[in-house]
Amino acid sequence: MVQVEGELAKRTTRPLIVNTKALIESGRIRVDCMDMMFLTEEGVPTAHWADPLAGCGAEEAVVWLKVG
């Protein structure tokens, strides 16, 4: 877990490596990855976007999460 505090927390994004290939194959997400959702500890959805390099369906897809 990465904890960012202070002013930096309000304007930071962090990468998360996700095995979207396994999630698609197991039927947990759609093949276009458009149904991925990430939540804060409070259960609130957080902004995110998938990096097009590697992309959806990759074993090491990079998803950027808004922190703060």
N, C-alpha and C. Protein backbone atom coordinates (compact mmCIF):
# COMPACT_ATOMS: atom_id res chain seq x y z
N MET A 1 0.84 -1.18 0.00
CA MET A 1 0.00 0.00 0.00
C MET A 1 0.89 1.24 0.00
N VAL A 2 0.51 2.21 -0.79
CA VAL A 2 1.22 3.49 -0.84
C VAL A 2 0.34 4.53 -0.18
N GLN A 3 0.88 5.22 0.81
CA GLN A 3 0.13 6.29 1.45
C GLN A 3 0.79 7.62 1.11
N VAL A 4 -0.02 8.53 0.60
CA VAL A 4 0.47 9.86 0.25
C VAL A 4 -0.30 10.85 1.09
N GLU A 5 0.41 11.78 1.69
CA GLU A 5 -0.25 12.74 2.59
C GLU A 5 -0.05 14.16 2.10
N GLY A 6 -0.82 15.07 2.68
CA GLY A 6 -0.66 16.49 2.41
C GLY A 6 -1.13 16.89 1.03
N GLU A 7 -0.57 17.99 0.56
CA GLU A 7 -0.97 18.57 -0.72
C GLU A 7 -0.74 17.62 -1.89
N LEU A 8 0.32 16.82 -1.82
CA LEU A 8 0.62 15.87 -2.89
C LEU A 8 -0.51 14.87 -3.10
N ALA A 9 -1.18 14.48 -2.02
CA ALA A 9 -2.26 13.49 -2.11
C ALA A 9 -3.43 13.99 -2.95
N LYS A 10 -3.59 15.29 -3.06
CA LYS A 10 -4.71 15.85 -3.81
C LYS A 10 -4.49 15.83 -5.31
N ARG A 11 -3.27 15.57 -5.76
CA ARG A 11 -2.98 15.66 -7.19
C ARG A 11 -2.04 14.55 -7.66
N THR A 12 -2.20 13.38 -7.12
CA THR A 12 -1.29 12.29 -7.44
C THR A 12 -2.03 11.14 -8.10
N THR A 13 -1.36 10.49 -9.04
CA THR A 13 -1.85 9.24 -9.60
C THR A 13 -0.77 8.20 -9.35
N ARG A 14 -1.20 6.96 -9.21
CA ARG A 14 -0.28 5.86 -8.96
C ARG A 14 -0.60 4.71 -9.90
N PRO A 15 0.43 4.03 -10.41
CA PRO A 15 0.18 2.89 -11.28
C PRO A 15 -0.13 1.63 -10.48
N LEU A 16 -1.00 0.82 -11.02
CA LEU A 16 -1.33 -0.48 -10.45
C LEU A 16 -1.21 -1.50 -11.57
N ILE A 17 -0.45 -2.56 -11.35
CA ILE A 17 -0.31 -3.62 -12.34
C ILE A 17 -1.44 -4.62 -12.13
N VAL A 18 -2.20 -4.88 -13.19
CA VAL A 18 -3.37 -5.76 -13.09
C VAL A 18 -3.26 -6.84 -14.17
N ASN A 19 -3.47 -8.09 -13.78
CA ASN A 19 -3.48 -9.19 -14.74
C ASN A 19 -4.88 -9.25 -15.35
N THR A 20 -5.12 -8.39 -16.34
CA THR A 20 -6.44 -8.35 -16.95
C THR A 20 -6.71 -9.60 -17.79
N LYS A 21 -5.66 -10.23 -18.28
CA LYS A 21 -5.84 -11.47 -19.05
C LYS A 21 -6.53 -12.53 -18.19
N ALA A 22 -6.05 -12.72 -16.97
CA ALA A 22 -6.64 -13.72 -16.07
C ALA A 22 -8.06 -13.33 -15.67
N LEU A 23 -8.29 -12.05 -15.44
CA LEU A 23 -9.63 -11.59 -15.06
C LEU A 23 -10.63 -11.81 -16.19
N ILE A 24 -10.20 -11.58 -17.43
CA ILE A 24 -11.07 -11.80 -18.59
C ILE A 24 -11.35 -13.29 -18.75
N GLU A 25 -10.30 -14.10 -18.69
CA GLU A 25 -10.46 -15.55 -18.87
C GLU A 25 -11.35 -16.17 -17.81
N SER A 26 -11.35 -15.60 -16.60
CA SER A 26 -12.19 -16.15 -15.53
C SER A 26 -13.60 -15.55 -15.53
N GLY A 27 -13.86 -14.63 -16.48
CA GLY A 27 -15.19 -14.03 -16.58
C GLY A 27 -15.47 -12.95 -15.56
N ARG A 28 -14.44 -12.46 -14.90
CA ARG A 28 -14.64 -11.44 -13.86
C ARG A 28 -14.76 -10.03 -14.42
N ILE A 29 -14.17 -9.78 -15.62
CA ILE A 29 -14.34 -8.51 -16.29
C ILE A 29 -14.58 -8.76 -17.78
N ARG A 30 -15.12 -7.76 -18.45
CA ARG A 30 -15.40 -7.86 -19.88
C ARG A 30 -14.11 -7.82 -20.68
N VAL A 31 -14.17 -8.27 -21.92
CA VAL A 31 -12.98 -8.32 -22.77
C VAL A 31 -12.44 -6.94 -23.12
N ASP A 32 -13.25 -5.88 -22.98
CA ASP A 32 -12.77 -4.52 -23.25
C ASP A 32 -12.33 -3.80 -21.97
N CYS A 33 -12.44 -4.49 -20.83
CA CYS A 33 -12.03 -3.96 -19.52
C CYS A 33 -12.81 -2.72 -19.08
N MET A 34 -13.89 -2.39 -19.76
CA MET A 34 -14.63 -1.17 -19.44
C MET A 34 -15.44 -1.27 -18.15
N ASP A 35 -15.52 -2.47 -17.57
CA ASP A 35 -16.27 -2.62 -16.33
C ASP A 35 -15.38 -2.70 -15.09
N MET A 36 -14.08 -2.41 -15.26
CA MET A 36 -13.20 -2.39 -14.08
C MET A 36 -13.61 -1.23 -13.18
N MET A 37 -13.55 -1.47 -11.88
CA MET A 37 -13.87 -0.43 -10.92
C MET A 37 -12.91 -0.56 -9.75
N PHE A 38 -12.44 0.57 -9.27
CA PHE A 38 -11.55 0.60 -8.13
C PHE A 38 -12.18 1.49 -7.07
N LEU A 39 -12.11 1.04 -5.82
CA LEU A 39 -12.75 1.75 -4.72
C LEU A 39 -11.73 2.22 -3.70
N THR A 40 -12.06 3.31 -3.02
CA THR A 40 -11.25 3.76 -1.90
C THR A 40 -11.54 2.85 -0.71
N GLU A 41 -10.81 3.03 0.37
CA GLU A 41 -11.07 2.24 1.58
C GLU A 41 -12.49 2.47 2.10
N GLU A 42 -13.06 3.63 1.78
CA GLU A 42 -14.42 3.96 2.22
C GLU A 42 -15.48 3.39 1.27
N GLY A 43 -15.06 2.72 0.20
CA GLY A 43 -15.99 2.13 -0.75
C GLY A 43 -16.46 3.08 -1.84
N VAL A 44 -15.77 4.20 -2.01
CA VAL A 44 -16.14 5.19 -3.02
C VAL A 44 -15.34 4.91 -4.29
N PRO A 45 -15.99 4.87 -5.45
CA PRO A 45 -15.25 4.66 -6.70
C PRO A 45 -14.21 5.77 -6.91
N THR A 46 -13.06 5.39 -7.42
CA THR A 46 -12.00 6.35 -7.70
C THR A 46 -11.71 6.39 -9.20
N ALA A 47 -11.29 7.56 -9.66
CA ALA A 47 -10.97 7.73 -11.08
C ALA A 47 -9.79 6.84 -11.45
N HIS A 48 -9.86 6.27 -12.64
CA HIS A 48 -8.77 5.43 -13.13
C HIS A 48 -8.80 5.40 -14.65
N TRP A 49 -7.67 5.03 -15.24
CA TRP A 49 -7.61 4.81 -16.68
C TRP A 49 -6.53 3.80 -16.97
N ALA A 50 -6.77 3.01 -17.99
CA ALA A 50 -5.82 1.97 -18.38
C ALA A 50 -4.84 2.54 -19.40
N ASP A 51 -3.58 2.26 -19.16
CA ASP A 51 -2.52 2.67 -20.09
C ASP A 51 -2.69 1.85 -21.36
N PRO A 52 -2.68 2.50 -22.54
CA PRO A 52 -2.87 1.75 -23.78
C PRO A 52 -1.70 0.82 -24.12
N LEU A 53 -0.52 1.08 -23.57
CA LEU A 53 0.61 0.17 -23.80
C LEU A 53 0.42 -1.04 -22.90
N ALA A 54 0.60 -2.16 -23.43
CA ALA A 54 0.23 -3.46 -22.84
C ALA A 54 -1.28 -3.61 -22.98
N GLY A 55 -2.06 -2.71 -22.43
CA GLY A 55 -3.49 -2.64 -22.66
C GLY A 55 -4.31 -3.75 -22.03
N CYS A 56 -5.61 -3.65 -22.27
CA CYS A 56 -6.57 -4.63 -21.76
C CYS A 56 -6.25 -6.00 -22.35
N GLY A 57 -6.31 -7.02 -21.51
CA GLY A 57 -6.03 -8.37 -21.95
C GLY A 57 -4.60 -8.80 -21.71
N ALA A 58 -3.80 -7.92 -21.15
CA ALA A 58 -2.40 -8.22 -20.88
C ALA A 58 -2.24 -8.80 -19.48
N GLU A 59 -1.19 -9.58 -19.28
CA GLU A 59 -0.90 -10.11 -17.95
C GLU A 59 -0.39 -9.01 -17.03
N GLU A 60 0.17 -7.95 -17.60
CA GLU A 60 0.68 -6.85 -16.79
C GLU A 60 0.17 -5.52 -17.34
N ALA A 61 -1.15 -5.34 -17.33
CA ALA A 61 -1.74 -4.09 -17.76
C ALA A 61 -1.51 -3.05 -16.67
N VAL A 62 -1.21 -1.82 -17.07
CA VAL A 62 -1.01 -0.74 -16.11
C VAL A 62 -2.28 0.08 -16.03
N VAL A 63 -2.82 0.19 -14.83
CA VAL A 63 -4.00 1.02 -14.59
C VAL A 63 -3.56 2.12 -13.66
N TRP A 64 -3.85 3.36 -14.04
CA TRP A 64 -3.49 4.52 -13.23
C TRP A 64 -4.68 4.90 -12.36
N LEU A 65 -4.44 5.02 -11.05
CA LEU A 65 -5.48 5.35 -10.09
C LEU A 65 -5.25 6.74 -9.52
N LYS A 66 -6.31 7.50 -9.39
CA LYS A 66 -6.22 8.80 -8.74
C LYS A 66 -6.14 8.57 -7.23
N VAL A 67 -5.12 9.14 -6.62
CA VAL A 67 -4.93 9.01 -5.18
C VAL A 67 -5.25 10.36 -4.55
N GLY A 68 -6.08 10.31 -3.53
CA GLY A 68 -6.38 11.55 -2.81
C GLY A 68 -7.77 12.01 -2.99
